[in-house]
Amino acid sequence: MDFLEQFGVDRPVLGMVHLPALPGSPGFDGDRDSIRSRALEDATALEAGGVDGIVLENFGDAPFYPEDVPEHVIAEMTAQTAAVTAAVDVPVGVNVLRNDAEAALSIAAATGASFVRVNVHVGAAATDQGVLEGKAHETVRLRERIDADVAILADVHVKHATPVGETSIEQVALETTERGLADGVIVSGVGTGAETQLEDVELVAETLGALEESVPVLVGSGVTSRTIGDCFDAGAGGVIVGTALKKDQETTNPVSRERVEAVVEAARDGA
């Protein structure tokens, strides 16, 4: 099944739940209950505003572990994800920053989440955590080994990073799907909240649309009610929205239902 079919709409909008700093992170304020409350408040506001899916990630945990997060992070994210999946009726995804695909997949499988986001699935990228290398061979085999019905969304030329080598975004997209077996790809801008270049979306969508079994492309940053129509016109099958859905458009602020409704309405108007 095409990854996007589970959302039941032509132009799915996925909203972000950015978790505050978890226990063990420098920014943790000592209150686990407030983390749970904030996650549930954001998730229910996203659903009430009309999103078709939710992505939960440990955004507040900077500076991020490059690849393998400690067990206590996995435990905390499992608890948070379980609470969110129980509270909403839309598909939920998991992203464990910076690039712990094994943890994300395990959390998703244990909590009934539908998909994971992997920042570097194939190839390598230079980041503020150092050089991250894709582990598609391990992630896909783990999914088979634990019999997890969890889709893999993988970034191409991921934000907050510089690709290692001269490989074009089209070639990375092909290798991510044909060799890395990702179920969908994400094209983003240079950083959180940064507008995604429509030329990149068009290139990737055209490249993957020509495959025998086309693979969906999602826009992963900088989407607003003003730009969302352009993203779909450029070939995106869905969008992931975070900053534009927050009060005052500050990434760390709570979700604003009114902003969610505006973005979702703009997506539906163009369908």
Protein backbone atom coordinates (compact mmCIF):
# COMPACT_ATOMS: atom_id res chain seq x y z
CA MET A 1 0.00 0.00 0.00
CA ASP A 2 1.17 3.51 -0.79
CA PHE A 3 2.28 5.11 2.48
CA LEU A 4 -0.05 8.08 1.98
CA GLU A 5 -3.20 5.98 1.57
CA GLN A 6 -3.51 5.46 5.32
CA PHE A 7 -4.40 9.14 5.76
CA GLY A 8 -7.51 8.88 3.60
CA VAL A 9 -7.12 12.28 1.89
CA ASP A 10 -5.46 13.51 -1.28
CA ARG A 11 -3.23 16.11 0.39
CA PRO A 12 -2.36 14.90 3.88
CA VAL A 13 -1.02 17.38 6.44
CA LEU A 14 1.12 15.92 9.23
CA GLY A 15 1.68 18.06 12.30
CA MET A 16 4.66 18.02 14.65
CA VAL A 17 4.72 17.32 18.37
CA HIS A 18 8.08 18.72 19.47
CA LEU A 19 8.77 17.18 22.86
CA PRO A 20 10.43 19.39 25.47
CA ALA A 21 13.80 18.30 26.86
CA LEU A 22 13.54 14.77 28.24
CA PRO A 23 15.15 13.51 31.46
CA GLY A 24 18.92 13.44 31.09
CA SER A 25 19.02 16.37 28.66
CA PRO A 26 20.50 19.73 29.70
CA GLY A 27 17.17 21.51 29.31
CA PHE A 28 15.09 19.08 31.37
CA ASP A 29 13.17 21.01 34.02
CA GLY A 30 12.64 18.07 36.35
CA ASP A 31 8.93 17.65 35.64
CA ARG A 32 8.00 14.52 33.68
CA ASP A 33 4.30 15.22 34.08
CA SER A 34 4.63 18.53 32.24
CA ILE A 35 6.23 16.74 29.27
CA ARG A 36 3.29 14.35 29.05
CA SER A 37 0.76 17.15 29.43
CA ARG A 38 2.41 19.26 26.75
CA ALA A 39 2.63 16.34 24.32
CA LEU A 40 -1.04 15.50 24.77
CA GLU A 41 -2.14 19.12 24.54
CA ASP A 42 -0.24 19.60 21.29
CA ALA A 43 -1.42 16.30 19.82
CA THR A 44 -5.08 16.91 20.60
CA ALA A 45 -4.86 20.49 19.29
CA LEU A 46 -3.36 19.17 16.05
CA GLU A 47 -6.11 16.59 15.66
CA ALA A 48 -8.85 19.09 16.54
CA GLY A 49 -7.43 21.46 13.93
CA GLY A 50 -7.76 18.79 11.25
CA VAL A 51 -4.31 17.28 10.66
CA ASP A 52 -4.21 13.85 9.06
CA GLY A 53 -1.23 12.53 11.02
CA ILE A 54 1.24 13.45 13.75
CA VAL A 55 5.02 13.15 14.03
CA LEU A 56 6.53 13.05 17.50
CA GLU A 57 10.22 13.79 18.08
CA ASN A 58 12.62 14.64 20.92
CA PHE A 59 13.22 18.17 19.64
CA GLY A 60 14.18 19.52 23.05
CA ASP A 61 17.06 17.10 23.59
CA ALA A 62 19.83 19.22 22.04
CA PRO A 63 22.72 18.67 21.85
CA PHE A 64 21.64 15.43 20.21
CA TYR A 65 23.31 12.06 20.38
CA PRO A 66 24.54 11.33 16.83
CA GLU A 67 23.07 7.85 16.42
CA ASP A 68 22.45 5.60 19.44
CA VAL A 69 20.44 7.33 22.17
CA PRO A 70 20.61 5.92 25.72
CA GLU A 71 18.03 3.47 27.02
CA HIS A 72 16.38 6.08 29.24
CA VAL A 73 15.62 8.23 26.17
CA ILE A 74 14.05 5.26 24.41
CA ALA A 75 11.98 4.46 27.51
CA GLU A 76 10.77 8.05 27.87
CA MET A 77 9.91 8.37 24.18
CA THR A 78 8.08 5.04 24.26
CA ALA A 79 5.93 6.30 27.13
CA GLN A 80 5.24 9.62 25.39
CA THR A 81 4.44 7.95 22.07
CA ALA A 82 2.12 5.44 23.71
CA ALA A 83 0.23 8.27 25.40
CA VAL A 84 -0.15 10.21 22.15
CA THR A 85 -1.24 7.20 20.06
CA ALA A 86 -3.87 6.38 22.68
CA ALA A 87 -5.16 9.95 22.71
CA VAL A 88 -5.65 10.54 18.96
CA ASP A 89 -7.29 8.72 16.07
CA VAL A 90 -4.83 9.73 13.35
CA PRO A 91 -1.64 7.87 12.37
CA VAL A 92 1.40 8.72 14.47
CA GLY A 93 5.07 8.69 13.47
CA VAL A 94 8.29 8.73 15.50
CA ASN A 95 11.61 10.49 14.91
CA VAL A 96 14.46 9.90 17.38
CA LEU A 97 17.01 12.66 16.93
CA ARG A 98 19.52 12.81 15.67
CA ASN A 99 19.51 9.58 13.72
CA ASP A 100 18.54 6.57 15.83
CA ALA A 101 16.39 4.67 13.36
CA GLU A 102 16.55 1.45 15.38
CA ALA A 103 15.11 3.19 18.43
CA ALA A 104 12.41 4.93 16.40
CA LEU A 105 11.35 1.72 14.71
CA SER A 106 11.29 -0.18 18.00
CA ILE A 107 9.24 2.55 19.69
CA ALA A 108 6.78 2.65 16.79
CA ALA A 109 6.35 -1.12 16.79
CA ALA A 110 5.78 -1.23 20.55
CA THR A 111 3.26 1.61 20.66
CA GLY A 112 1.23 1.05 17.49
CA ALA A 113 2.68 4.04 15.67
CA SER A 114 2.45 3.85 11.89
CA PHE A 115 5.76 5.20 10.60
CA VAL A 116 9.20 6.54 11.45
CA ARG A 117 11.28 9.38 10.09
CA VAL A 118 14.97 8.69 9.49
CA ASN A 119 17.20 11.72 8.87
CA VAL A 120 20.08 9.83 7.20
CA HIS A 121 18.91 6.50 5.79
CA VAL A 122 21.53 6.04 3.05
CA GLY A 123 24.81 7.76 2.28
CA ALA A 124 26.41 10.17 4.72
CA ALA A 125 25.93 13.73 5.94
CA ALA A 126 28.15 16.15 7.83
CA THR A 127 26.21 17.60 10.77
CA ASP A 128 26.81 19.37 14.07
CA GLN A 129 26.89 15.86 15.58
CA GLY A 130 29.67 14.83 13.20
CA VAL A 131 29.38 12.65 10.12
CA LEU A 132 26.22 10.51 10.18
CA GLU A 133 26.07 7.39 8.03
CA GLY A 134 22.91 5.72 6.82
CA LYS A 135 22.10 2.28 8.15
CA ALA A 136 19.32 1.23 5.81
CA HIS A 137 20.65 -2.33 5.84
CA GLU A 138 20.10 -2.55 9.59
CA THR A 139 16.83 -0.61 9.79
CA VAL A 140 15.02 -2.57 7.08
CA ARG A 141 16.23 -5.91 8.43
CA LEU A 142 15.15 -4.96 11.95
CA ARG A 143 11.67 -4.20 10.64
CA GLU A 144 11.49 -7.68 9.13
CA ARG A 145 12.96 -9.32 12.20
CA ILE A 146 10.43 -7.84 14.63
CA ASP A 147 7.57 -8.07 12.10
CA ALA A 148 6.73 -4.40 12.43
CA ASP A 149 4.06 -2.89 10.19
CA VAL A 150 5.84 0.46 10.22
CA ALA A 151 6.64 2.60 7.18
CA ILE A 152 10.03 4.25 6.78
CA LEU A 153 10.15 7.90 5.70
CA ALA A 154 13.67 9.03 4.88
CA ASP A 155 15.07 12.50 4.36
CA VAL A 156 17.07 13.31 1.25
CA HIS A 157 19.68 16.05 1.73
CA VAL A 158 18.39 16.39 5.28
CA LYS A 159 18.19 19.81 6.97
CA HIS A 160 20.89 20.97 9.38
CA ALA A 161 23.41 18.95 7.36
CA THR A 162 25.65 18.93 4.30
CA PRO A 163 25.73 15.82 2.08
CA VAL A 164 29.06 14.06 1.91
CA GLY A 165 30.04 13.83 -1.76
CA GLU A 166 28.63 15.41 -4.89
CA THR A 167 25.57 13.19 -5.30
CA SER A 168 22.54 15.06 -6.67
CA ILE A 169 19.28 15.14 -4.75
CA GLU A 170 17.64 13.05 -7.48
CA GLN A 171 20.29 10.34 -7.18
CA VAL A 172 20.02 10.31 -3.40
CA ALA A 173 16.24 9.95 -3.71
CA LEU A 174 16.65 6.99 -6.05
CA GLU A 175 19.17 5.27 -3.81
CA THR A 176 17.02 5.97 -0.74
CA THR A 177 14.06 4.18 -2.29
CA GLU A 178 15.48 1.61 -4.71
CA ARG A 179 18.44 0.49 -2.59
CA GLY A 180 17.42 1.71 0.87
CA LEU A 181 13.79 0.55 0.38
CA ALA A 182 12.28 3.62 2.05
CA ASP A 183 8.50 3.90 1.72
CA GLY A 184 8.60 7.67 1.20
CA VAL A 185 11.09 10.53 1.09
CA ILE A 186 11.17 13.95 2.72
CA VAL A 187 12.58 17.07 1.09
CA SER A 188 13.33 20.00 3.40
CA GLY A 189 14.99 23.39 3.60
CA VAL A 190 18.32 24.06 5.26
CA GLY A 191 16.97 24.10 8.81
CA THR A 192 13.93 23.89 11.07
CA GLY A 193 11.21 26.19 9.74
CA ALA A 194 13.26 27.07 6.63
CA GLU A 195 11.33 27.14 3.37
CA THR A 196 11.90 24.13 1.12
CA GLN A 197 13.08 24.86 -2.40
CA LEU A 198 10.29 23.94 -4.81
CA GLU A 199 12.87 23.06 -7.45
CA ASP A 200 14.11 20.27 -5.18
CA VAL A 201 10.58 19.00 -4.65
CA GLU A 202 9.95 18.99 -8.40
CA LEU A 203 13.19 17.15 -9.16
CA VAL A 204 12.58 14.44 -6.59
CA ALA A 205 8.89 14.04 -7.41
CA GLU A 206 9.59 13.73 -11.12
CA THR A 207 12.39 11.23 -10.51
CA LEU A 208 10.43 8.98 -8.17
CA GLY A 209 7.20 9.37 -10.13
CA ALA A 210 8.86 7.70 -13.09
CA LEU A 211 9.52 4.48 -11.16
CA GLU A 212 7.43 1.40 -11.82
CA GLU A 213 5.96 1.86 -8.35
CA SER A 214 6.10 5.58 -7.58
CA VAL A 215 7.21 6.63 -4.10
CA PRO A 216 5.55 9.56 -2.30
CA VAL A 217 7.44 12.78 -1.62
CA LEU A 218 6.72 14.94 1.43
CA VAL A 219 7.84 18.49 2.12
CA GLY A 220 9.43 18.60 5.56
CA SER A 221 10.04 22.23 6.51
CA GLY A 222 8.90 25.79 5.97
CA VAL A 223 5.34 24.93 5.00
CA THR A 224 2.76 27.65 5.78
CA SER A 225 -0.82 28.36 4.77
CA ARG A 226 0.65 30.63 2.10
CA THR A 227 3.08 28.10 0.60
CA ILE A 228 1.30 24.80 1.05
CA GLY A 229 -0.48 24.95 -2.30
CA ASP A 230 2.81 25.53 -4.10
CA CYS A 231 4.29 22.48 -2.37
CA PHE A 232 1.55 20.24 -3.70
CA ASP A 233 1.70 21.84 -7.14
CA ALA A 234 5.43 21.03 -7.21
CA GLY A 235 4.65 17.34 -6.80
CA ALA A 236 4.54 16.74 -3.06
CA GLY A 237 2.10 14.07 -1.93
CA GLY A 238 2.02 15.34 1.64
CA VAL A 239 3.56 17.86 4.01
CA ILE A 240 5.01 17.83 7.53
CA VAL A 241 4.37 21.09 9.36
CA GLY A 242 5.77 22.23 12.69
CA THR A 243 6.76 25.85 13.21
CA ALA A 244 3.84 27.34 11.26
CA LEU A 245 1.38 25.59 13.59
CA LYS A 246 2.81 27.04 16.78
CA LYS A 247 1.74 30.16 18.64
CA ASP A 248 3.58 33.17 17.22
CA GLN A 249 5.26 30.71 14.81
CA GLU A 250 7.90 29.86 17.41
CA THR A 251 8.96 26.22 17.14
CA THR A 252 9.09 25.62 20.89
CA ASN A 253 5.70 27.21 21.60
CA PRO A 254 2.48 25.22 22.06
CA VAL A 255 0.38 24.31 19.03
CA SER A 256 -2.21 26.89 17.98
CA ARG A 257 -5.43 25.24 16.83
CA GLU A 258 -6.28 28.32 14.78
CA ARG A 259 -2.99 28.08 12.88
CA VAL A 260 -3.56 24.37 12.31
CA GLU A 261 -7.00 25.05 10.88
CA ALA A 262 -5.61 27.71 8.53
CA VAL A 263 -2.94 25.38 7.13
CA VAL A 264 -5.34 22.43 6.76
CA GLU A 265 -7.94 24.65 5.08
CA ALA A 266 -5.34 25.89 2.60
CA ALA A 267 -4.42 22.30 1.78
CA ARG A 268 -8.04 21.30 1.25
CA ASP A 269 -8.84 24.37 -0.86
CA GLY A 270 -6.32 23.29 -3.48
CA ALA A 271 -7.36 19.65 -3.62
